Amino acid sequence: MSRSPRQDGQPRRAFLTGSLGALLAVGCQRLAGAGQGNAEPGKPGPRRMPVLFAGHGSPLNAIEDNRWSQAFRALGTTVPRPRAVLAVSAHWFVPGTFLTDNARPETIHDFGGFPRALHELQYPAPGAPDLARRISALLATHSARPRSDWGLDHGTWSVLVHLLPAADVPVLQLSIDARLPAAKHLEIGKALAPLRDEGVLLLGSGNVVHNLRDALANLRSGRSDTPPWAAQFDHDVSRALTQRDAQQLARALDGQSGRSAHPSPEHYLPLLYVFGASSDRDTLSFPVEGFDAGSISMRSIRFG
């Protein structure tokens, strides 16, 4: 797998202002509709895995050498090598809880108008049908069902291309059921916690603050300052995580600051899966912090 640089020389701002608008439209359409070895998925692993939430930001981070991609690569060197990855991406937000069971999941380019290098990038990680059955059993009370018509969207591969660049670890995706209240997403995360002792890395991919319209306006005007509401929401979430305040995390989107930080909830909800799978015995850290385009928090979160 190669990571080609951008080939057309246009500045990043032009891509982001033009292409992220296309990404927003595509996203709305979809809303509607370093350890040892690599054992067989589903068998007990050698050590307990951490759980991660990655603020994935722009798809361009997959091919650019920038502050965020460098931080993801550095994070990858600190995470034990998993036997498999279960990703919960903001970009599979549908009515229902589904799990990919493909032996060879497709690399999905769920955006438009970006450089050719990004559209051509492949992340050819294998799937793990046996592990999909194990996870389906863990989530039986949540009516989880396997699907083979989805693959790995950019919320997953734009992070894993840096964390696990060889693409040699099996990867599955779990959808976010758009109909569920926040407390149910926490419950699903808790049900997934046993996978940590089986060598499976649970990866949530979204953003703690994700107001794309505001970010696009910032880019068009050349502004980069973080609005007070964005900084406050990011701070409040990090404090709730530190205090293990599940109730505050579940209701974070209910107030005006939550609605400003997340006009739609899909980029916040993966965090609830990650928190649900964590425990009070885990060490909490924030390996990546900061804002991109003013209104996109790139905070990443690690438990364990």
C-alpha atoms as a PDB file:
ATOM      1  CA  MET A   1       0.000   0.000   0.000  1.00  0.00           C
ATOM      2  CA  SER A   2       1.393   3.369  -0.952  1.00  0.00           C
ATOM      3  CA  ARG A   3       0.715   6.799   0.443  1.00  0.00           C
ATOM      4  CA  SER A   4       1.244   9.152  -2.444  1.00  0.00           C
ATOM      5  CA  PRO A   5       1.654  12.879  -1.929  1.00  0.00           C
ATOM      6  CA  ARG A   6      -0.830  15.276  -3.461  1.00  0.00           C
ATOM      7  CA  GLN A   7      -0.044  15.645  -7.141  1.00  0.00           C
ATOM      8  CA  ASP A   8      -1.767  18.788  -8.311  1.00  0.00           C
ATOM      9  CA  GLY A   9      -0.106  21.457  -6.162  1.00  0.00           C
ATOM     10  CA  GLN A  10      -3.294  23.205  -5.070  1.00  0.00           C
ATOM     11  CA  PRO A  11      -3.224  24.517  -1.497  1.00  0.00           C
ATOM     12  CA  ARG A  12      -4.841  22.479   1.235  1.00  0.00           C
ATOM     13  CA  ARG A  13      -7.381  25.198   1.972  1.00  0.00           C
ATOM     14  CA  ALA A  14      -8.774  25.020  -1.554  1.00  0.00           C
ATOM     15  CA  PHE A  15      -9.265  21.268  -1.220  1.00  0.00           C
ATOM     16  CA  LEU A  16     -10.849  21.555   2.181  1.00  0.00           C
ATOM     17  CA  THR A  17     -13.261  24.351   1.318  1.00  0.00           C
ATOM     18  CA  GLY A  18     -14.338  22.719  -1.930  1.00  0.00           C
ATOM     19  CA  SER A  19     -14.069  19.064  -1.078  1.00  0.00           C
ATOM     20  CA  LEU A  20     -15.314  19.044   2.476  1.00  0.00           C
ATOM     21  CA  GLY A  21     -18.518  20.554   1.206  1.00  0.00           C
ATOM     22  CA  ALA A  22     -18.852  17.517  -1.065  1.00  0.00           C
ATOM     23  CA  LEU A  23     -17.990  15.282   1.875  1.00  0.00           C
ATOM     24  CA  LEU A  24     -20.760  16.909   3.924  1.00  0.00           C
ATOM     25  CA  ALA A  25     -23.269  16.186   1.175  1.00  0.00           C
ATOM     26  CA  VAL A  26     -22.142  12.580   0.814  1.00  0.00           C
ATOM     27  CA  GLY A  27     -22.195  12.154   4.578  1.00  0.00           C
ATOM     28  CA  CYS A  28     -25.758  13.451   4.802  1.00  0.00           C
ATOM     29  CA  GLN A  29     -26.829  10.971   2.144  1.00  0.00           C
ATOM     30  CA  ARG A  30     -25.287   8.132   4.098  1.00  0.00           C
ATOM     31  CA  LEU A  31     -26.933   9.316   7.308  1.00  0.00           C
ATOM     32  CA  ALA A  32     -30.245   8.934   5.640  1.00  0.00           C
ATOM     33  CA  GLY A  33     -30.039   5.740   4.020  1.00  0.00           C
ATOM     34  CA  ALA A  34       3.599  -2.901  19.339  1.00  0.00           C
ATOM     35  CA  GLY A  35       3.039  -6.550  20.640  1.00  0.00           C
ATOM     36  CA  GLN A  36       4.101  -9.858  19.208  1.00  0.00           C
ATOM     37  CA  GLY A  37       2.526 -12.106  16.636  1.00  0.00           C
ATOM     38  CA  ASN A  38      -0.901 -12.142  15.024  1.00  0.00           C
ATOM     39  CA  ALA A  39      -2.946 -15.030  16.351  1.00  0.00           C
ATOM     40  CA  GLU A  40      -6.206 -16.300  14.908  1.00  0.00           C
ATOM     41  CA  PRO A  41      -9.084 -13.851  15.496  1.00  0.00           C
ATOM     42  CA  GLY A  42     -11.506 -14.900  18.215  1.00  0.00           C
ATOM     43  CA  LYS A  43      -8.941 -16.815  20.313  1.00  0.00           C
ATOM     44  CA  PRO A  44      -7.685 -15.369  23.626  1.00  0.00           C
ATOM     45  CA  GLY A  45      -4.894 -12.854  23.106  1.00  0.00           C
ATOM     46  CA  PRO A  46      -1.671 -12.490  25.084  1.00  0.00           C
ATOM     47  CA  ARG A  47      -2.573  -9.216  26.808  1.00  0.00           C
ATOM     48  CA  ARG A  48      -5.369  -6.760  27.506  1.00  0.00           C
ATOM     49  CA  MET A  49      -5.715  -4.156  24.764  1.00  0.00           C
ATOM     50  CA  PRO A  50      -6.346  -0.465  25.278  1.00  0.00           C
ATOM     51  CA  VAL A  51      -9.344   1.271  23.737  1.00  0.00           C
ATOM     52  CA  LEU A  52      -8.855   4.311  21.502  1.00  0.00           C
ATOM     53  CA  PHE A  53     -10.884   7.210  20.204  1.00  0.00           C
ATOM     54  CA  ALA A  54      -9.256   8.983  17.258  1.00  0.00           C
ATOM     55  CA  GLY A  55     -10.223  12.460  16.128  1.00  0.00           C
ATOM     56  CA  HIS A  56      -9.853  11.688  12.433  1.00  0.00           C
ATOM     57  CA  GLY A  57     -10.562  15.101  10.909  1.00  0.00           C
ATOM     58  CA  SER A  58     -10.044  15.621   7.184  1.00  0.00           C
ATOM     59  CA  PRO A  59      -9.547  12.610   4.889  1.00  0.00           C
ATOM     60  CA  LEU A  60      -6.447  14.430   3.622  1.00  0.00           C
ATOM     61  CA  ASN A  61      -4.696  13.438   6.842  1.00  0.00           C
ATOM     62  CA  ALA A  62      -4.376   9.966   5.302  1.00  0.00           C
ATOM     63  CA  ILE A  63      -1.939  11.214   2.646  1.00  0.00           C
ATOM     64  CA  GLU A  64      -0.472  14.398   4.075  1.00  0.00           C
ATOM     65  CA  ASP A  65       2.558  14.635   6.330  1.00  0.00           C
ATOM     66  CA  ASN A  66       1.181  17.062   8.890  1.00  0.00           C
ATOM     67  CA  ARG A  67       0.753  17.552  12.623  1.00  0.00           C
ATOM     68  CA  TRP A  68      -2.140  15.094  12.827  1.00  0.00           C
ATOM     69  CA  SER A  69      -0.708  12.308  10.673  1.00  0.00           C
ATOM     70  CA  GLN A  70       2.573  12.519  12.565  1.00  0.00           C
ATOM     71  CA  ALA A  71       0.671  12.239  15.852  1.00  0.00           C
ATOM     72  CA  PHE A  72      -1.226   9.167  14.610  1.00  0.00           C
ATOM     73  CA  ARG A  73       2.021   7.497  13.559  1.00  0.00           C
ATOM     74  CA  ALA A  74       3.553   8.240  16.956  1.00  0.00           C
ATOM     75  CA  LEU A  75       0.471   6.815  18.682  1.00  0.00           C
ATOM     76  CA  GLY A  76       0.757   3.656  16.599  1.00  0.00           C
ATOM     77  CA  THR A  77       4.211   2.957  18.027  1.00  0.00           C
ATOM     78  CA  THR A  78       2.803   2.875  21.570  1.00  0.00           C
ATOM     79  CA  VAL A  79      -0.142   0.536  20.993  1.00  0.00           C
ATOM     80  CA  PRO A  80       0.433  -3.229  21.342  1.00  0.00           C
ATOM     81  CA  ARG A  81      -0.062  -5.054  18.079  1.00  0.00           C
ATOM     82  CA  PRO A  82      -3.656  -6.336  18.114  1.00  0.00           C
ATOM     83  CA  ARG A  83      -4.943  -9.596  16.691  1.00  0.00           C
ATOM     84  CA  ALA A  84      -7.788  -7.629  15.142  1.00  0.00           C
ATOM     85  CA  VAL A  85      -9.364  -4.178  15.139  1.00  0.00           C
ATOM     86  CA  LEU A  86     -13.053  -3.428  15.656  1.00  0.00           C
ATOM     87  CA  ALA A  87     -13.746   0.101  14.428  1.00  0.00           C
ATOM     88  CA  VAL A  88     -16.791   2.233  15.182  1.00  0.00           C
ATOM     89  CA  SER A  89     -16.731   5.013  12.595  1.00  0.00           C
ATOM     90  CA  ALA A  90     -18.850   8.142  12.429  1.00  0.00           C
ATOM     91  CA  HIS A  91     -19.399   7.389   8.756  1.00  0.00           C
ATOM     92  CA  TRP A  92     -21.507   4.246   9.187  1.00  0.00           C
ATOM     93  CA  PHE A  93     -24.503   5.857  10.884  1.00  0.00           C
ATOM     94  CA  VAL A  94     -27.620   3.972   9.864  1.00  0.00           C
ATOM     95  CA  PRO A  95     -30.874   2.572  11.280  1.00  0.00           C
ATOM     96  CA  GLY A  96     -29.560  -0.628  12.845  1.00  0.00           C
ATOM     97  CA  THR A  97     -26.547  -2.268  14.478  1.00  0.00           C
ATOM     98  CA  PHE A  98     -24.543  -4.091  11.827  1.00  0.00           C
ATOM     99  CA  LEU A  99     -21.157  -5.756  11.680  1.00  0.00           C
ATOM    100  CA  THR A 100     -18.999  -6.327   8.631  1.00  0.00           C
ATOM    101  CA  ASP A 101     -18.286 -10.013   8.038  1.00  0.00           C
ATOM    102  CA  ASN A 102     -16.330  -9.709   4.779  1.00  0.00           C
ATOM    103  CA  ALA A 103     -13.222 -11.816   4.352  1.00  0.00           C
ATOM    104  CA  ARG A 104     -11.787  -8.959   2.251  1.00  0.00           C
ATOM    105  CA  PRO A 105     -13.491  -5.665   3.147  1.00  0.00           C
ATOM    106  CA  GLU A 106     -13.554  -2.979   0.480  1.00  0.00           C
ATOM    107  CA  THR A 107     -11.784   0.350   0.980  1.00  0.00           C
ATOM    108  CA  ILE A 108     -14.685   2.806   0.734  1.00  0.00           C
ATOM    109  CA  HIS A 109     -13.977   6.309  -0.576  1.00  0.00           C
ATOM    110  CA  ASP A 110     -17.047   7.977   0.904  1.00  0.00           C
ATOM    111  CA  PHE A 111     -16.272  11.511  -0.279  1.00  0.00           C
ATOM    112  CA  GLY A 112     -15.802  13.456  -3.485  1.00  0.00           C
ATOM    113  CA  GLY A 113     -13.539  16.063  -5.019  1.00  0.00           C
ATOM    114  CA  PHE A 114     -10.295  15.237  -3.249  1.00  0.00           C
ATOM    115  CA  PRO A 115      -6.917  14.559  -4.932  1.00  0.00           C
ATOM    116  CA  ARG A 116      -6.568  11.442  -7.045  1.00  0.00           C
ATOM    117  CA  ALA A 117      -3.998  10.032  -4.610  1.00  0.00           C
ATOM    118  CA  LEU A 118      -6.658   9.948  -1.897  1.00  0.00           C
ATOM    119  CA  HIS A 119      -9.324   8.400  -4.122  1.00  0.00           C
ATOM    120  CA  GLU A 120      -6.862   5.723  -5.217  1.00  0.00           C
ATOM    121  CA  LEU A 121      -5.548   4.882  -1.745  1.00  0.00           C
ATOM    122  CA  GLN A 122      -6.308   1.323  -0.673  1.00  0.00           C
ATOM    123  CA  TYR A 123      -6.181  -0.174   2.806  1.00  0.00           C
ATOM    124  CA  PRO A 124      -6.299  -3.898   2.020  1.00  0.00           C
ATOM    125  CA  ALA A 125      -6.626  -5.272   5.545  1.00  0.00           C
ATOM    126  CA  PRO A 126      -8.339  -8.656   5.771  1.00  0.00           C
ATOM    127  CA  GLY A 127     -11.628  -9.157   7.557  1.00  0.00           C
ATOM    128  CA  ALA A 128     -12.381 -11.764  10.200  1.00  0.00           C
ATOM    129  CA  PRO A 129     -15.671 -13.644   9.671  1.00  0.00           C
ATOM    130  CA  ASP A 130     -15.111 -15.855  12.730  1.00  0.00           C
ATOM    131  CA  LEU A 131     -14.582 -12.839  14.943  1.00  0.00           C
ATOM    132  CA  ALA A 132     -17.685 -11.240  13.428  1.00  0.00           C
ATOM    133  CA  ARG A 133     -19.684 -14.202  14.703  1.00  0.00           C
ATOM    134  CA  ARG A 134     -18.125 -13.840  18.155  1.00  0.00           C
ATOM    135  CA  ILE A 135     -19.031 -10.128  18.276  1.00  0.00           C
ATOM    136  CA  SER A 136     -22.535 -10.817  17.019  1.00  0.00           C
ATOM    137  CA  ALA A 137     -22.968 -13.194  19.954  1.00  0.00           C
ATOM    138  CA  LEU A 138     -21.743 -10.537  22.400  1.00  0.00           C
ATOM    139  CA  LEU A 139     -24.293  -8.118  20.940  1.00  0.00           C
ATOM    140  CA  ALA A 140     -27.183 -10.563  20.597  1.00  0.00           C
ATOM    141  CA  THR A 141     -29.386  -8.546  22.934  1.00  0.00           C
ATOM    142  CA  HIS A 142     -28.762  -5.493  20.763  1.00  0.00           C
ATOM    143  CA  SER A 143     -29.945  -7.261  17.594  1.00  0.00           C
ATOM    144  CA  ALA A 144     -26.583  -6.925  15.846  1.00  0.00           C
ATOM    145  CA  ARG A 145     -26.584  -8.450  12.382  1.00  0.00           C
ATOM    146  CA  PRO A 146     -23.753  -9.206   9.934  1.00  0.00           C
ATOM    147  CA  ARG A 147     -23.501  -7.374   6.613  1.00  0.00           C
ATOM    148  CA  SER A 148     -21.177  -7.925   3.684  1.00  0.00           C
ATOM    149  CA  ASP A 149     -22.231  -4.868   1.650  1.00  0.00           C
ATOM    150  CA  TRP A 150     -20.075  -2.450   3.654  1.00  0.00           C
ATOM    151  CA  GLY A 151     -16.325  -2.281   4.095  1.00  0.00           C
ATOM    152  CA  LEU A 152     -13.886   0.168   5.669  1.00  0.00           C
ATOM    153  CA  ASP A 153     -14.870   3.810   5.296  1.00  0.00           C
ATOM    154  CA  HIS A 154     -12.488   6.719   5.649  1.00  0.00           C
ATOM    155  CA  GLY A 155     -13.220   7.156   9.343  1.00  0.00           C
ATOM    156  CA  THR A 156     -11.471   3.827   9.804  1.00  0.00           C
ATOM    157  CA  TRP A 157      -8.765   3.628   7.158  1.00  0.00           C
ATOM    158  CA  SER A 158      -7.609   7.263   7.349  1.00  0.00           C
ATOM    159  CA  VAL A 159      -6.508   6.499  10.925  1.00  0.00           C
ATOM    160  CA  LEU A 160      -5.310   2.912  10.476  1.00  0.00           C
ATOM    161  CA  VAL A 161      -3.112   3.872   7.533  1.00  0.00           C
ATOM    162  CA  HIS A 162      -0.929   5.500  10.197  1.00  0.00           C
ATOM    163  CA  LEU A 163      -1.557   3.276  13.222  1.00  0.00           C
ATOM    164  CA  LEU A 164      -1.122  -0.014  11.310  1.00  0.00           C
ATOM    165  CA  PRO A 165       0.372   0.956   7.937  1.00  0.00           C
ATOM    166  CA  ALA A 166       1.097  -2.606   6.803  1.00  0.00           C
ATOM    167  CA  ALA A 167      -2.661  -3.353   6.700  1.00  0.00           C
ATOM    168  CA  ASP A 168      -1.920  -6.885   7.885  1.00  0.00           C
ATOM    169  CA  VAL A 169      -4.235  -6.963  10.918  1.00  0.00           C
ATOM    170  CA  PRO A 170      -7.884  -8.012  10.404  1.00  0.00           C
ATOM    171  CA  VAL A 171     -10.333  -5.116  10.629  1.00  0.00           C
ATOM    172  CA  LEU A 172     -14.098  -5.123  11.159  1.00  0.00           C
ATOM    173  CA  GLN A 173     -16.540  -2.224  11.391  1.00  0.00           C
ATOM    174  CA  LEU A 174     -19.550  -1.851  13.649  1.00  0.00           C
ATOM    175  CA  SER A 175     -22.294   0.543  12.606  1.00  0.00           C
ATOM    176  CA  ILE A 176     -23.849   3.216  14.819  1.00  0.00           C
ATOM    177  CA  ASP A 177     -27.609   2.817  15.115  1.00  0.00           C
ATOM    178  CA  ALA A 178     -28.986   6.307  14.466  1.00  0.00           C
ATOM    179  CA  ARG A 179     -32.227   5.471  16.310  1.00  0.00           C
ATOM    180  CA  LEU A 180     -30.694   4.739  19.713  1.00  0.00           C
ATOM    181  CA  PRO A 181     -30.386   7.111  22.676  1.00  0.00           C
ATOM    182  CA  ALA A 182     -26.920   7.833  24.022  1.00  0.00           C
ATOM    183  CA  ALA A 183     -27.270   5.407  26.935  1.00  0.00           C
ATOM    184  CA  LYS A 184     -27.712   2.495  24.529  1.00  0.00           C
ATOM    185  CA  HIS A 185     -24.457   3.310  22.745  1.00  0.00           C
ATOM    186  CA  LEU A 186     -22.712   3.175  26.115  1.00  0.00           C
ATOM    187  CA  GLU A 187     -24.311  -0.226  26.760  1.00  0.00           C
ATOM    188  CA  ILE A 188     -23.068  -1.603  23.458  1.00  0.00           C
ATOM    189  CA  GLY A 189     -19.566  -0.384  24.259  1.00  0.00           C
ATOM    190  CA  LYS A 190     -19.725  -2.150  27.635  1.00  0.00           C
ATOM    191  CA  ALA A 191     -20.843  -5.363  25.925  1.00  0.00           C
ATOM    192  CA  LEU A 192     -17.752  -5.183  23.711  1.00  0.00           C
ATOM    193  CA  ALA A 193     -15.325  -4.877  26.653  1.00  0.00           C
ATOM    194  CA  PRO A 194     -14.497  -8.649  26.817  1.00  0.00           C
ATOM    195  CA  LEU A 195     -12.838  -8.343  23.407  1.00  0.00           C
ATOM    196  CA  ARG A 196     -10.031  -6.379  25.022  1.00  0.00           C
ATOM    197  CA  ASP A 197      -8.838  -9.559  26.739  1.00  0.00           C
ATOM    198  CA  GLU A 198      -8.961 -11.391  23.405  1.00  0.00           C
ATOM    199  CA  GLY A 199      -6.422  -9.165  21.695  1.00  0.00           C
ATOM    200  CA  VAL A 200      -8.956  -6.963  19.885  1.00  0.00           C
ATOM    201  CA  LEU A 201      -8.371  -3.225  19.655  1.00  0.00           C
ATOM    202  CA  LEU A 202     -11.605  -1.227  19.848  1.00  0.00           C
ATOM    203  CA  LEU A 203     -11.189   1.974  17.831  1.00  0.00           C
ATOM    204  CA  GLY A 204     -13.774   4.753  17.842  1.00  0.00           C
ATOM    205  CA  SER A 205     -13.290   7.297  15.078  1.00  0.00           C
ATOM    206  CA  GLY A 206     -15.035  10.678  15.076  1.00  0.00           C
ATOM    207  CA  ASN A 207     -14.317  14.081  16.614  1.00  0.00           C
ATOM    208  CA  VAL A 208     -15.063  15.497  20.066  1.00  0.00           C
ATOM    209  CA  VAL A 209     -16.127  18.725  18.326  1.00  0.00           C
ATOM    210  CA  HIS A 210     -17.317  18.527  14.719  1.00  0.00           C
ATOM    211  CA  ASN A 211     -19.073  21.546  13.261  1.00  0.00           C
ATOM    212  CA  LEU A 212     -18.139  21.186   9.613  1.00  0.00           C
ATOM    213  CA  ARG A 213     -20.112  24.176   8.378  1.00  0.00           C
ATOM    214  CA  ASP A 214     -18.332  26.457  10.821  1.00  0.00           C
ATOM    215  CA  ALA A 215     -14.973  24.923   9.913  1.00  0.00           C
ATOM    216  CA  LEU A 216     -15.621  25.508   6.205  1.00  0.00           C
ATOM    217  CA  ALA A 217     -16.546  29.117   6.898  1.00  0.00           C
ATOM    218  CA  ASN A 218     -13.308  29.513   8.855  1.00  0.00           C
ATOM    219  CA  LEU A 219     -11.280  28.107   5.993  1.00  0.00           C
ATOM    220  CA  ARG A 220     -12.941  30.327   3.406  1.00  0.00           C
ATOM    221  CA  SER A 221     -12.307  33.428   5.485  1.00  0.00           C
ATOM    222  CA  GLY A 222      -8.814  32.459   6.586  1.00  0.00           C
ATOM    223  CA  ARG A 223      -9.761  32.274  10.259  1.00  0.00           C
ATOM    224  CA  SER A 224      -8.188  29.637  12.489  1.00  0.00           C
ATOM    225  CA  ASP A 225      -9.246  30.714  15.992  1.00  0.00           C
ATOM    226  CA  THR A 226     -11.272  28.197  17.975  1.00  0.00           C
ATOM    227  CA  PRO A 227     -14.688  29.580  18.972  1.00  0.00           C
ATOM    228  CA  PRO A 228     -15.358  29.708  22.737  1.00  0.00           C
ATOM    229  CA  TRP A 229     -18.236  27.210  22.456  1.00  0.00           C
ATOM    230  CA  ALA A 230     -15.950  24.680  20.742  1.00  0.00           C
ATOM    231  CA  ALA A 231     -13.172  25.048  23.292  1.00  0.00           C
ATOM    232  CA  GLN A 232     -15.676  24.796  26.149  1.00  0.00           C
ATOM    233  CA  PHE A 233     -17.331  21.647  24.823  1.00  0.00           C
ATOM    234  CA  ASP A 234     -13.944  19.986  24.236  1.00  0.00           C
ATOM    235  CA  HIS A 235     -12.941  20.899  27.792  1.00  0.00           C
ATOM    236  CA  ASP A 236     -16.209  19.678  29.279  1.00  0.00           C
ATOM    237  CA  VAL A 237     -15.947  16.313  27.534  1.00  0.00           C
ATOM    238  CA  SER A 238     -12.341  15.805  28.612  1.00  0.00           C
ATOM    239  CA  ARG A 239     -13.350  16.623  32.207  1.00  0.00           C
ATOM    240  CA  ALA A 240     -16.267  14.171  32.072  1.00  0.00           C
ATOM    241  CA  LEU A 241     -13.908  11.483  30.795  1.00  0.00           C
ATOM    242  CA  THR A 242     -11.423  12.194  33.564  1.00  0.00           C
ATOM    243  CA  GLN A 243     -14.180  12.034  36.180  1.00  0.00           C
ATOM    244  CA  ARG A 244     -15.764   8.972  34.529  1.00  0.00           C
ATOM    245  CA  ASP A 245     -19.072  10.814  34.425  1.00  0.00           C
ATOM    246  CA  ALA A 246     -21.120   8.582  32.144  1.00  0.00           C
ATOM    247  CA  GLN A 247     -24.284  10.594  32.667  1.00  0.00           C
ATOM    248  CA  GLN A 248     -22.625  13.811  31.557  1.00  0.00           C
ATOM    249  CA  LEU A 249     -21.186  12.102  28.479  1.00  0.00           C
ATOM    250  CA  ALA A 250     -24.614  10.706  27.616  1.00  0.00           C
ATOM    251  CA  ARG A 251     -26.333  14.086  27.821  1.00  0.00           C
ATOM    252  CA  ALA A 252     -23.500  16.192  26.413  1.00  0.00           C
ATOM    253  CA  LEU A 253     -25.329  16.905  23.158  1.00  0.00           C
ATOM    254  CA  ASP A 254     -28.545  18.026  24.822  1.00  0.00           C
ATOM    255  CA  GLY A 255     -27.566  21.628  25.601  1.00  0.00           C
ATOM    256  CA  GLN A 256     -26.792  24.552  23.309  1.00  0.00           C
ATOM    257  CA  SER A 257     -23.036  23.951  23.445  1.00  0.00           C
ATOM    258  CA  GLY A 258     -23.591  20.340  22.414  1.00  0.00           C
ATOM    259  CA  ARG A 259     -25.800  21.365  19.505  1.00  0.00           C
ATOM    260  CA  SER A 260     -23.178  23.899  18.384  1.00  0.00           C
ATOM    261  CA  ALA A 261     -20.367  21.364  18.687  1.00  0.00           C
ATOM    262  CA  HIS A 262     -22.386  18.680  16.899  1.00  0.00           C
ATOM    263  CA  PRO A 263     -25.180  19.811  14.575  1.00  0.00           C
ATOM    264  CA  SER A 264     -25.549  16.062  13.944  1.00  0.00           C
ATOM    265  CA  PRO A 265     -24.376  13.446  16.474  1.00  0.00           C
ATOM    266  CA  GLU A 266     -22.510  10.851  14.431  1.00  0.00           C
ATOM    267  CA  HIS A 267     -18.978  12.163  15.102  1.00  0.00           C
ATOM    268  CA  TYR A 268     -19.557  12.226  18.857  1.00  0.00           C
ATOM    269  CA  LEU A 269     -21.195   8.836  19.347  1.00  0.00           C
ATOM    270  CA  PRO A 270     -18.113   6.633  18.698  1.00  0.00           C
ATOM    271  CA  LEU A 271     -16.688   8.099  21.900  1.00  0.00           C
ATOM    272  CA  LEU A 272     -19.520   6.485  23.882  1.00  0.00           C
ATOM    273  CA  TYR A 273     -18.544   3.031  22.602  1.00  0.00           C
ATOM    274  CA  VAL A 274     -14.945   3.629  23.657  1.00  0.00           C
ATOM    275  CA  PHE A 275     -15.940   4.904  27.102  1.00  0.00           C
ATOM    276  CA  GLY A 276     -18.368   2.028  27.557  1.00  0.00           C
ATOM    277  CA  ALA A 277     -15.595  -0.493  26.890  1.00  0.00           C
ATOM    278  CA  SER A 278     -13.242   1.192  29.368  1.00  0.00           C
ATOM    279  CA  SER A 279     -13.082   0.695  33.128  1.00  0.00           C
ATOM    280  CA  ASP A 280     -12.036   2.681  36.174  1.00  0.00           C
ATOM    281  CA  ARG A 281      -8.849   0.605  36.245  1.00  0.00           C
ATOM    282  CA  ASP A 282      -7.691   2.107  32.958  1.00  0.00           C
ATOM    283  CA  THR A 283      -5.235   4.958  32.743  1.00  0.00           C
ATOM    284  CA  LEU A 284      -6.705   7.808  30.703  1.00  0.00           C
ATOM    285  CA  SER A 285      -4.541   9.858  28.352  1.00  0.00           C
ATOM    286  CA  PHE A 286      -5.009  12.320  25.510  1.00  0.00           C
ATOM    287  CA  PRO A 287      -2.254  11.461  23.011  1.00  0.00           C
ATOM    288  CA  VAL A 288      -3.454  14.057  20.473  1.00  0.00           C
ATOM    289  CA  GLU A 289      -4.954  17.458  21.264  1.00  0.00           C
ATOM    290  CA  GLY A 290      -5.793  20.603  19.325  1.00  0.00           C
ATOM    291  CA  PHE A 291      -8.200  21.966  16.728  1.00  0.00           C
ATOM    292  CA  ASP A 292      -8.154  21.930  12.942  1.00  0.00           C
ATOM    293  CA  ALA A 293      -9.972  24.675  11.012  1.00  0.00           C
ATOM    294  CA  GLY A 294     -11.092  26.169  14.304  1.00  0.00           C
ATOM    295  CA  SER A 295     -14.133  23.960  14.859  1.00  0.00           C
ATOM    296  CA  ILE A 296     -12.834  20.385  14.473  1.00  0.00           C
ATOM    297  CA  SER A 297     -11.359  18.974  17.669  1.00  0.00           C
ATOM    298  CA  MET A 298      -8.593  16.504  16.882  1.00  0.00           C
ATOM    299  CA  ARG A 299      -8.447  15.209  20.454  1.00  0.00           C
ATOM    300  CA  SER A 300      -7.633  11.513  20.651  1.00  0.00           C
ATOM    301  CA  ILE A 301      -8.349   9.493  23.772  1.00  0.00           C
ATOM    302  CA  ARG A 302      -6.782   6.339  25.125  1.00  0.00           C
ATOM    303  CA  PHE A 303      -7.939   4.124  27.967  1.00  0.00           C
ATOM    304  CA  GLY A 304      -5.369   1.575  29.120  1.00  0.00           C
END
